[in-house]
């Protein structure tokens, strides 16, 4: 290994690539984008109106609990252990039906409510994302209320609002480094279980549940693994969020057995990601991996360039042909999505300000009036188009504001933190979210409610890592 390293480091190509990466590194450090993403001011509390109002409501709740002696009755009770129920919800979400995940989330809401009433000192911790999350939930509820087909989406809207606000519930529940570490381990363990079931589908001869193989360009593809998420593209969206956490667990492992377990989990999830044959998922994971490696050490730019070229010679034909079909105009999936994107943009010329209302019921009601080539769709196949289609330009502004605030906060703490394990964990969350958002250009990633919930869970984990740096171990 040392011989190979010395051989590479002495080569002209290696020196040229290293010099190029260092030049790009210097330009990045000087750029305005680097300053925007990395200069978050340190704040510990939010003195705006809404937090102060919530604080007063919290004090009233505590008085009520004391009046009826509920605080003493709940002392030490498992029912007010918000972390336990929140972590349970996070762990079971990819494994159970949506309604079961909702039940676990509501149990976490209840536990936090009881804990708030019994604990006067407990308040909503500050994070720059708090107001954006509250704002996005409000905009979504507002758009639902004024939807032309409001009754057709009440269930979906309620799920979305509950899942969005669960990010704050989980954020409040993560009060120590030990809890953050435990939640990360549970998320990786759940991802491993999902992957094992996906591998079992391969060896048991399971069949595709839907028409997921594009005609004309992917005849050699058989089963596209879908596991517990019941759709290969949805499974890919989920794995993009979790695989970086597994890789961070490998690096941060404190024992050889722990590291081995994390390597097995990360390997199984990566294999299943490949077997989804989701091109958007592959691109998202490649972006996440590149982002993680560059944040870890910018010299990985050189390794990545060499590795990308080498992979083309060792990957199976079914994978390389699927990968190179991206951008192929003969591909039925690309043609279908392109027609939907054009139809959605045409629709937004009339509805860019207010949106058409939330949910697939409203989309199916209005989109056919603007569709190209009679393309039938329940959504726009692009998260960003869907957000503006449902909530108008205000909804897109709030959603993008949330993303910028979260990514900026995490990037700032990666630069400032002296805790290596915390920095690695933040890199994993940031790269997972980044990869997810890249795939979201070609998928409505929030269409599946469980994947949407996983996005808010991982976001809450990143918020906790970025804002609870002084948390105790216990």
Protein backbone atom coordinates (compact mmCIF):
# COMPACT_ATOMS: atom_id res chain seq x y z
CA UNK A 1 0.00 0.00 0.00
CA UNK A 2 2.85 2.38 0.86
CA UNK A 3 4.59 1.50 -2.41
CA UNK A 4 1.45 2.35 -4.42
CA UNK A 5 1.02 5.61 -2.50
CA UNK A 6 4.64 6.62 -3.16
CA UNK A 7 4.32 5.64 -6.82
CA UNK A 8 1.19 7.76 -7.27
CA UNK A 9 2.51 10.73 -5.35
CA UNK A 10 5.63 10.78 -7.51
CA UNK A 11 3.74 10.75 -10.80
CA UNK A 12 3.22 13.83 -12.96
CA UNK A 13 -0.55 13.15 -13.24
CA UNK A 14 -0.95 13.02 -9.46
CA UNK A 15 0.95 16.30 -8.98
CA UNK A 16 -1.12 17.97 -11.70
CA UNK A 17 -4.43 16.81 -10.22
CA UNK A 18 -3.33 17.81 -6.73
CA UNK A 19 -2.37 21.28 -7.93
CA UNK A 20 -5.70 21.60 -9.71
CA UNK A 21 -7.65 20.58 -6.60
CA UNK A 22 -5.68 23.04 -4.46
CA UNK A 23 -6.43 25.82 -6.96
CA UNK A 24 -10.15 24.99 -6.87
CA UNK A 25 -9.97 24.87 -3.08
CA UNK A 26 -8.51 28.38 -2.92
CA UNK A 27 -11.14 29.72 -5.31
CA UNK A 28 -13.89 28.15 -3.19
CA UNK A 29 -12.56 29.73 -0.02
CA UNK A 30 -12.61 33.15 -1.73
CA UNK A 31 -16.07 32.74 -3.26
CA UNK A 32 -19.23 34.50 -2.06
CA UNK A 33 -21.03 31.14 -1.89
CA UNK A 34 -18.52 29.83 0.63
CA UNK A 35 -19.07 32.94 2.75
CA UNK A 36 -22.85 32.58 2.55
CA UNK A 37 -22.76 28.93 3.58
CA UNK A 38 -20.12 29.24 6.26
CA UNK A 39 -20.62 32.49 8.16
CA UNK A 40 -23.57 31.68 10.40
CA UNK A 41 -23.54 33.89 13.49
CA UNK A 42 -23.56 32.20 16.85
CA UNK A 43 -26.91 32.54 18.62
CA UNK A 44 -28.34 30.69 21.59
CA UNK A 45 -31.92 31.95 21.77
CA UNK A 46 -34.68 33.42 19.66
CA UNK A 47 -36.30 36.53 21.10
CA UNK A 48 -38.97 36.90 18.43
CA UNK A 49 -42.70 36.95 19.13
CA UNK A 50 -43.56 33.30 18.45
CA UNK A 51 -40.98 31.77 20.85
CA UNK A 52 -42.05 34.19 23.60
CA UNK A 53 -45.69 33.30 23.04
CA UNK A 54 -44.86 29.59 23.15
CA UNK A 55 -42.96 30.16 26.39
CA UNK A 56 -46.01 31.76 28.00
CA UNK A 57 -48.21 28.88 26.87
CA UNK A 58 -45.66 26.48 28.30
CA UNK A 59 -45.79 28.21 31.70
CA UNK A 60 -49.59 28.03 31.69
CA UNK A 61 -49.41 24.32 30.91
CA UNK A 62 -46.97 23.77 33.80
CA UNK A 63 -49.34 25.58 36.19
CA UNK A 64 -52.19 23.35 35.06
CA UNK A 65 -50.11 20.21 35.61
CA UNK A 66 -49.18 21.36 39.12
CA UNK A 67 -52.79 22.24 39.91
CA UNK A 68 -54.00 18.73 39.16
CA UNK A 69 -50.79 17.13 40.52
CA UNK A 70 -50.05 15.55 37.16
CA UNK A 71 -46.39 16.60 37.36
CA UNK A 72 -45.75 14.44 40.42
CA UNK A 73 -47.76 11.57 38.95
CA UNK A 74 -45.59 11.57 35.81
CA UNK A 75 -42.29 11.74 37.69
CA UNK A 76 -39.98 9.16 36.10
CA UNK A 77 -42.75 7.85 33.82
CA UNK A 78 -41.83 6.31 30.46
CA UNK A 79 -44.80 8.12 28.97
CA UNK A 80 -43.03 11.48 29.24
CA UNK A 81 -39.77 10.17 27.79
CA UNK A 82 -39.89 12.13 24.54
CA UNK A 83 -36.59 10.74 23.26
CA UNK A 84 -37.74 7.12 23.63
CA UNK A 85 -40.91 7.63 21.61
CA UNK A 86 -39.27 9.93 19.05
CA UNK A 87 -36.43 7.46 18.47
CA UNK A 88 -38.97 4.64 18.16
CA UNK A 89 -40.84 6.61 15.50
CA UNK A 90 -37.61 7.29 13.60
CA UNK A 91 -36.56 3.63 13.71
CA UNK A 92 -39.85 2.06 12.58
CA UNK A 93 -40.75 4.57 9.85
CA UNK A 94 -39.09 2.71 6.94
CA UNK A 95 -40.25 -0.68 8.22
CA UNK A 96 -43.99 -0.27 8.80
CA UNK A 97 -47.00 1.17 6.93
CA UNK A 98 -47.53 4.93 7.00
CA UNK A 99 -50.36 4.82 9.54
CA UNK A 100 -48.21 2.85 11.97
CA UNK A 101 -45.43 5.38 11.57
CA UNK A 102 -48.00 8.12 12.22
CA UNK A 103 -49.07 6.37 15.44
CA UNK A 104 -45.45 6.31 16.64
CA UNK A 105 -45.03 9.99 15.72
CA UNK A 106 -48.20 10.95 17.61
CA UNK A 107 -46.95 9.00 20.63
CA UNK A 108 -43.79 11.14 20.51
CA UNK A 109 -45.95 14.28 20.34
CA UNK A 110 -47.84 13.07 23.41
CA UNK A 111 -44.68 12.26 25.35
CA UNK A 112 -43.23 15.71 24.63
CA UNK A 113 -46.49 17.35 25.68
CA UNK A 114 -46.43 15.51 29.01
CA UNK A 115 -42.76 16.34 29.48
CA UNK A 116 -43.40 20.02 28.77
CA UNK A 117 -46.19 20.12 31.33
CA UNK A 118 -44.13 18.39 33.99
CA UNK A 119 -40.85 20.21 33.33
CA UNK A 120 -40.90 23.98 33.69
CA UNK A 121 -37.29 24.38 32.56
CA UNK A 122 -37.85 22.64 29.23
CA UNK A 123 -38.15 25.07 26.32
CA UNK A 124 -37.81 24.97 22.54
CA UNK A 125 -34.03 25.12 21.93
CA UNK A 126 -32.84 27.72 19.46
CA UNK A 127 -32.02 26.79 15.89
CA UNK A 128 -32.13 29.03 12.81
CA UNK A 129 -34.42 26.43 11.20
CA UNK A 130 -37.18 26.68 13.84
CA UNK A 131 -39.01 29.60 12.24
CA UNK A 132 -38.67 28.17 8.75
CA UNK A 133 -40.15 24.82 9.79
CA UNK A 134 -43.07 26.53 11.51
CA UNK A 135 -43.49 28.77 8.47
CA UNK A 136 -43.48 25.88 5.99
CA UNK A 137 -46.08 23.96 8.04
CA UNK A 138 -48.26 27.10 8.17
CA UNK A 139 -47.98 27.77 4.42
CA UNK A 140 -48.83 24.14 3.64
CA UNK A 141 -51.88 24.21 5.94
CA UNK A 142 -52.97 27.56 4.48
CA UNK A 143 -52.67 26.25 0.90
CA UNK A 144 -54.68 23.17 1.84
CA UNK A 145 -57.47 25.22 3.40
CA UNK A 146 -57.86 27.29 0.23
CA UNK A 147 -57.44 24.39 -2.20
CA UNK A 148 -60.12 23.98 -4.87
CA UNK A 149 -60.42 20.32 -3.89
CA UNK A 150 -59.76 20.68 -0.17
CA UNK A 151 -61.68 17.57 0.85
CA UNK A 152 -59.61 15.43 -1.49
CA UNK A 153 -56.38 16.12 0.38
CA UNK A 154 -57.26 16.64 4.04
CA UNK A 155 -55.71 13.31 5.06
CA UNK A 156 -52.50 13.91 3.10
CA UNK A 157 -52.24 17.51 4.29
CA UNK A 158 -52.65 16.48 7.91
CA UNK A 159 -49.92 13.87 7.50
CA UNK A 160 -47.58 16.38 5.91
CA UNK A 161 -48.07 19.04 8.60
CA UNK A 162 -47.65 16.50 11.41
CA UNK A 163 -44.49 15.09 9.81
CA UNK A 164 -43.00 18.53 9.15
CA UNK A 165 -43.51 19.61 12.76
CA UNK A 166 -42.08 16.31 13.99
CA UNK A 167 -38.68 17.77 13.10
CA UNK A 168 -39.14 20.19 16.02
CA UNK A 169 -40.42 17.41 18.31
CA UNK A 170 -37.36 15.29 17.58
CA UNK A 171 -35.04 18.28 17.87
CA UNK A 172 -36.43 19.04 21.33
CA UNK A 173 -36.12 15.39 22.32
CA UNK A 174 -32.40 15.10 21.49
CA UNK A 175 -30.84 16.57 24.63
CA UNK A 176 -27.46 14.86 24.84
CA UNK A 177 -24.64 13.51 22.72
CA UNK A 178 -25.50 10.02 23.87
CA UNK A 179 -29.07 10.36 22.56
CA UNK A 180 -27.83 11.74 19.24
CA UNK A 181 -25.46 8.78 18.91
CA UNK A 182 -28.22 6.32 19.84
CA UNK A 183 -30.59 7.80 17.25
CA UNK A 184 -27.91 7.58 14.55
CA UNK A 185 -27.31 3.91 15.41
CA UNK A 186 -31.04 3.19 15.24
CA UNK A 187 -31.35 4.85 11.84
CA UNK A 188 -28.43 2.80 10.49
CA UNK A 189 -29.84 -0.40 12.01
CA UNK A 190 -33.23 0.26 10.40
CA UNK A 191 -31.52 0.93 7.07
CA UNK A 192 -29.67 -2.37 7.38
CA UNK A 193 -32.95 -4.20 8.05
CA UNK A 194 -34.53 -2.57 4.98
CA UNK A 195 -31.51 -3.64 2.91
CA UNK A 196 -31.60 -7.23 4.18
CA UNK A 197 -35.21 -7.50 3.06
CA UNK A 198 -34.22 -6.06 -0.31
CA UNK A 199 -31.46 -8.64 -0.71
CA UNK A 200 -33.91 -11.37 0.27
CA UNK A 201 -36.16 -10.21 -2.58
CA UNK A 202 -33.28 -10.75 -5.01
CA UNK A 203 -32.53 -14.28 -3.86
CA UNK A 204 -36.17 -15.30 -3.41
CA UNK A 205 -37.10 -14.35 -6.96
CA UNK A 206 -39.53 -11.56 -6.11
CA UNK A 207 -41.24 -9.76 -8.98
CA UNK A 208 -41.60 -6.06 -9.75
CA UNK A 209 -44.74 -4.56 -8.28
CA UNK A 210 -45.08 -2.00 -11.07
CA UNK A 211 -43.90 -1.05 -14.55
CA UNK A 212 -40.50 0.30 -13.48
CA UNK A 213 -38.34 -0.92 -16.37
CA UNK A 214 -38.14 1.58 -19.21
CA UNK A 215 -39.00 0.16 -22.60
CA UNK A 216 -36.38 0.25 -25.33
CA UNK A 217 -33.31 1.06 -23.22
CA UNK A 218 -33.18 -1.35 -20.24
CA UNK A 219 -34.24 -4.76 -21.51
CA UNK A 220 -31.50 -6.54 -19.55
CA UNK A 221 -32.82 -5.30 -16.17
CA UNK A 222 -34.91 -7.77 -14.21
CA UNK A 223 -35.96 -7.08 -10.65
CA UNK A 224 -35.58 -3.54 -9.37
CA UNK A 225 -35.37 -3.95 -5.60
CA UNK A 226 -38.03 -2.06 -3.65
CA UNK A 227 -37.89 -3.65 -0.16
CA UNK A 228 -40.32 -2.25 2.44
CA UNK A 229 -40.79 1.05 0.53
CA UNK A 230 -42.58 -0.79 -2.33
CA UNK A 231 -40.97 1.30 -5.08
CA UNK A 232 -37.31 1.27 -6.19
CA UNK A 233 -37.10 5.04 -6.68
CA UNK A 234 -38.61 5.67 -3.25
CA UNK A 235 -36.19 3.14 -1.72
CA UNK A 236 -33.30 5.00 -3.37
CA UNK A 237 -34.49 8.31 -1.89
CA UNK A 238 -34.48 6.74 1.56
CA UNK A 239 -31.07 5.11 1.18
CA UNK A 240 -29.43 8.36 0.09
CA UNK A 241 -30.29 9.79 3.51
CA UNK A 242 -29.07 6.78 5.50
CA UNK A 243 -25.96 5.49 3.71
CA UNK A 244 -23.84 8.55 4.69
CA UNK A 245 -24.85 7.99 8.34
CA UNK A 246 -23.59 4.41 8.07
CA UNK A 247 -20.29 5.60 6.58
CA UNK A 248 -19.93 8.12 9.41
CA UNK A 249 -20.57 5.28 11.87
CA UNK A 250 -17.68 3.37 10.32
CA UNK A 251 -15.33 6.32 10.83
CA UNK A 252 -16.62 7.19 14.32
CA UNK A 253 -16.79 3.62 15.64
CA UNK A 254 -15.10 3.19 19.00
CA UNK A 255 -14.53 -0.58 18.82
CA UNK A 256 -13.45 -3.01 16.06
CA UNK A 257 -16.74 -4.89 16.32
CA UNK A 258 -18.70 -1.67 16.02
CA UNK A 259 -16.71 -0.67 12.96
CA UNK A 260 -17.24 -4.10 11.37
CA UNK A 261 -20.99 -3.90 11.98
CA UNK A 262 -21.13 -0.44 10.43
CA UNK A 263 -19.11 -1.61 7.39
CA UNK A 264 -21.54 -4.51 6.84
CA UNK A 265 -24.55 -2.21 7.15
CA UNK A 266 -23.09 0.40 4.79
CA UNK A 267 -22.10 -2.30 2.29
CA UNK A 268 -25.54 -3.92 2.30
CA UNK A 269 -27.28 -0.57 1.80
CA UNK A 270 -24.94 0.37 -1.06
CA UNK A 271 -25.53 -2.95 -2.84
CA UNK A 272 -29.29 -2.52 -2.52
CA UNK A 273 -29.00 1.06 -3.80
CA UNK A 274 -27.29 -0.29 -6.92
CA UNK A 275 -30.00 -2.92 -7.33
CA UNK A 276 -32.76 -0.31 -7.30
CA UNK A 277 -31.50 0.72 -10.76
CA UNK A 278 -32.71 4.21 -9.90
CA UNK A 279 -30.66 6.57 -12.04
CA UNK A 280 -31.77 9.60 -10.03
CA UNK A 281 -30.87 7.70 -6.88
CA UNK A 282 -27.42 6.85 -8.24
CA UNK A 283 -26.76 10.47 -9.15
CA UNK A 284 -27.93 11.58 -5.70
CA UNK A 285 -25.68 9.05 -3.97
CA UNK A 286 -22.70 9.97 -6.17
CA UNK A 287 -23.22 13.62 -5.27
CA UNK A 288 -23.57 12.74 -1.57
CA UNK A 289 -20.38 10.62 -1.66
CA UNK A 290 -18.43 13.33 -3.49
CA UNK A 291 -19.62 15.99 -1.06
CA UNK A 292 -18.77 13.86 1.96
CA UNK A 293 -15.29 13.00 0.70
CA UNK A 294 -14.44 16.56 -0.29
CA UNK A 295 -15.53 17.83 3.14
CA UNK A 296 -13.52 15.06 4.78
CA UNK A 297 -10.35 15.79 2.80
CA UNK A 298 -10.22 17.79 -0.43
CA UNK A 299 -7.45 15.55 -1.71
CA UNK A 300 -10.17 12.96 -2.34
CA UNK A 301 -10.94 14.97 -5.48
CA UNK A 302 -7.98 13.20 -7.08
CA UNK A 303 -9.01 9.76 -5.81
CA UNK A 304 -12.57 10.36 -6.96
CA UNK A 305 -11.55 11.25 -10.50
CA UNK A 306 -9.39 8.15 -10.78
CA UNK A 307 -12.03 5.95 -9.14
CA UNK A 308 -14.82 7.20 -11.40
CA UNK A 309 -12.84 6.27 -14.50
CA UNK A 310 -11.84 2.88 -13.06
CA UNK A 311 -15.44 1.98 -12.19
CA UNK A 312 -16.49 2.22 -15.80
CA UNK A 313 -14.29 -0.80 -16.57
CA UNK A 314 -15.50 -3.03 -13.71
CA UNK A 315 -19.24 -2.32 -13.39
CA UNK A 316 -21.65 -4.87 -14.92
CA UNK A 317 -23.12 -4.08 -18.32
CA UNK A 318 -26.64 -3.74 -16.89
CA UNK A 319 -25.47 -0.93 -14.59
CA UNK A 320 -23.32 0.96 -17.10
CA UNK A 321 -26.02 0.83 -19.78
CA UNK A 322 -28.58 2.06 -17.27
CA UNK A 323 -26.26 4.86 -16.18
CA UNK A 324 -25.47 5.98 -19.72
CA UNK A 325 -29.16 5.99 -20.60
CA UNK A 326 -29.44 9.24 -18.61
CA UNK A 327 -30.23 11.90 -21.16
CA UNK A 328 -31.18 9.36 -23.85
CA UNK A 329 -34.19 10.87 -25.64
CA UNK A 330 -35.33 7.38 -26.64
CA UNK A 331 -35.85 6.50 -22.98
CA UNK A 332 -39.56 6.33 -22.12
CA UNK A 333 -39.03 7.53 -18.56
CA UNK A 334 -37.16 10.66 -19.67
CA UNK A 335 -39.78 11.46 -22.30
CA UNK A 336 -42.56 11.02 -19.77
CA UNK A 337 -40.90 13.25 -17.18
CA UNK A 338 -40.00 15.90 -19.75
CA UNK A 339 -43.62 16.14 -20.84
CA UNK A 340 -44.77 16.50 -17.24
CA UNK A 341 -42.16 19.16 -16.46
CA UNK A 342 -43.18 21.21 -19.50
CA UNK A 343 -46.84 20.86 -18.62
CA UNK A 344 -46.20 21.88 -15.03
CA UNK A 345 -44.20 24.94 -16.10
CA UNK A 346 -47.03 25.87 -18.45
CA UNK A 347 -49.48 25.53 -15.56
CA UNK A 348 -47.31 27.69 -13.30
CA UNK A 349 -47.57 30.58 -15.74
CA UNK A 350 -51.11 30.97 -14.39
CA UNK A 351 -50.63 29.70 -10.82
CA UNK A 352 -47.12 30.81 -9.81
CA UNK A 353 -48.40 33.24 -7.18
CA UNK A 354 -51.00 31.20 -5.30
CA UNK A 355 -50.37 27.62 -6.42
CA UNK A 356 -53.12 25.13 -7.25
CA UNK A 357 -53.49 23.71 -3.74
CA UNK A 358 -51.85 20.75 -2.05
CA UNK A 359 -51.98 17.08 -2.91
CA UNK A 360 -52.42 14.86 -5.96
CA UNK A 361 -56.19 15.48 -6.06
CA UNK A 362 -55.66 19.13 -7.00
CA UNK A 363 -52.84 18.28 -9.39
CA UNK A 364 -54.99 15.74 -11.22
CA UNK A 365 -57.82 18.28 -11.35
CA UNK A 366 -55.87 21.17 -12.94
CA UNK A 367 -52.75 19.70 -14.60
CA UNK A 368 -54.62 17.93 -17.48
CA UNK A 369 -55.65 21.37 -18.78
CA UNK A 370 -51.96 22.15 -19.41
CA UNK A 371 -50.43 18.72 -20.11
CA UNK A 372 -48.23 18.00 -23.14
CA UNK A 373 -48.75 14.87 -25.23
CA UNK A 374 -51.66 13.88 -22.94
CA UNK A 375 -49.17 12.81 -20.25
CA UNK A 376 -51.10 11.62 -17.18
CA UNK A 377 -49.55 12.32 -13.80
CA UNK A 378 -50.40 12.69 -10.12
CA UNK A 379 -47.46 15.03 -9.47
CA UNK A 380 -44.76 16.95 -11.29
CA UNK A 381 -41.87 14.47 -10.76
CA UNK A 382 -39.78 17.32 -9.37
CA UNK A 383 -39.92 18.36 -5.72
CA UNK A 384 -39.22 22.02 -6.40
CA UNK A 385 -41.85 22.32 -9.13
CA UNK A 386 -44.28 20.51 -6.84
CA UNK A 387 -43.67 22.89 -3.93
CA UNK A 388 -44.37 25.96 -6.04
CA UNK A 389 -47.31 24.25 -7.80
CA UNK A 390 -48.95 23.44 -4.47
CA UNK A 391 -48.00 26.48 -2.37
CA UNK A 392 -47.10 29.20 -4.85
CA UNK A 393 -44.00 31.34 -4.84
CA UNK A 394 -44.28 32.00 -1.09
CA UNK A 395 -44.13 28.27 -0.39
CA UNK A 396 -41.04 27.89 -2.55
CA UNK A 397 -39.39 30.85 -0.81
CA UNK A 398 -40.05 29.38 2.65
CA UNK A 399 -38.89 25.90 1.60
CA UNK A 400 -35.68 27.19 0.04
CA UNK A 401 -35.13 29.45 3.05
CA UNK A 402 -35.35 26.39 5.28
CA UNK A 403 -32.85 24.48 3.15
CA UNK A 404 -30.36 27.36 3.01
CA UNK A 405 -30.65 27.98 6.75
CA UNK A 406 -30.15 24.30 7.63
CA UNK A 407 -27.27 23.65 5.23
CA UNK A 408 -25.57 26.91 6.20
CA UNK A 409 -25.85 26.15 9.91
CA UNK A 410 -24.39 22.66 9.48
CA UNK A 411 -21.60 23.87 7.15
CA UNK A 412 -20.65 26.56 9.66
CA UNK A 413 -20.39 24.06 12.51
CA UNK A 414 -18.33 21.68 10.37
CA UNK A 415 -15.79 24.47 9.92
CA UNK A 416 -15.82 25.62 13.54
CA UNK A 417 -16.11 22.43 15.57
CA UNK A 418 -13.03 20.87 17.13
CA UNK A 419 -14.91 17.63 17.89
CA UNK A 420 -13.90 15.27 15.07
CA UNK A 421 -16.77 12.83 15.59
CA UNK A 422 -19.31 15.63 15.60
CA UNK A 423 -17.83 17.05 12.39
CA UNK A 424 -17.98 13.62 10.69
CA UNK A 425 -21.61 13.16 11.73
CA UNK A 426 -22.50 16.63 10.44
CA UNK A 427 -20.76 15.86 7.14
CA UNK A 428 -22.85 12.70 6.83
CA UNK A 429 -26.13 14.52 7.45
CA UNK A 430 -25.21 17.38 5.13
CA UNK A 431 -24.13 15.08 2.31
CA UNK A 432 -27.21 12.87 2.71
CA UNK A 433 -29.53 15.86 2.54
CA UNK A 434 -27.55 17.22 -0.42
CA UNK A 435 -27.84 13.96 -2.34
CA UNK A 436 -31.55 13.76 -1.54
CA UNK A 437 -32.08 17.28 -2.86
CA UNK A 438 -30.19 16.43 -6.07
CA UNK A 439 -32.44 13.43 -6.72
CA UNK A 440 -35.42 15.68 -5.98
CA UNK A 441 -34.81 17.47 -9.29
CA UNK A 442 -36.18 14.39 -11.07
CA UNK A 443 -38.51 13.01 -8.39
CA UNK A 444 -41.27 14.39 -6.17
CA UNK A 445 -39.41 13.06 -3.14
CA UNK A 446 -42.17 14.00 -0.68
CA UNK A 447 -44.83 12.00 -2.53
CA UNK A 448 -44.16 9.02 -0.28
CA UNK A 449 -45.05 10.11 3.24
CA UNK A 450 -42.56 7.81 4.97
CA UNK A 451 -39.66 9.15 2.90
CA UNK A 452 -40.88 12.67 3.59
CA UNK A 453 -40.86 11.87 7.31
CA UNK A 454 -37.33 10.46 7.03
CA UNK A 455 -36.18 13.71 5.46
CA UNK A 456 -37.47 15.70 8.45
CA UNK A 457 -35.94 13.16 10.86
CA UNK A 458 -32.48 13.47 9.30
CA UNK A 459 -32.86 17.25 9.18
CA UNK A 460 -33.71 17.26 12.91
CA UNK A 461 -30.63 15.12 13.58
CA UNK A 462 -28.51 17.69 11.74
CA UNK A 463 -30.12 20.50 13.72
CA UNK A 464 -29.31 18.71 16.98
CA UNK A 465 -25.71 18.09 15.93
CA UNK A 466 -25.26 21.71 14.87
CA UNK A 467 -26.91 23.34 17.88
CA UNK A 468 -26.29 20.99 20.81
CA UNK A 469 -22.50 21.03 20.77
CA UNK A 470 -22.37 21.72 24.51
CA UNK A 471 -24.74 18.87 25.40
CA UNK A 472 -23.68 16.53 28.15
CA UNK A 473 -22.92 12.89 27.54
CA UNK A 474 -25.88 11.78 29.66
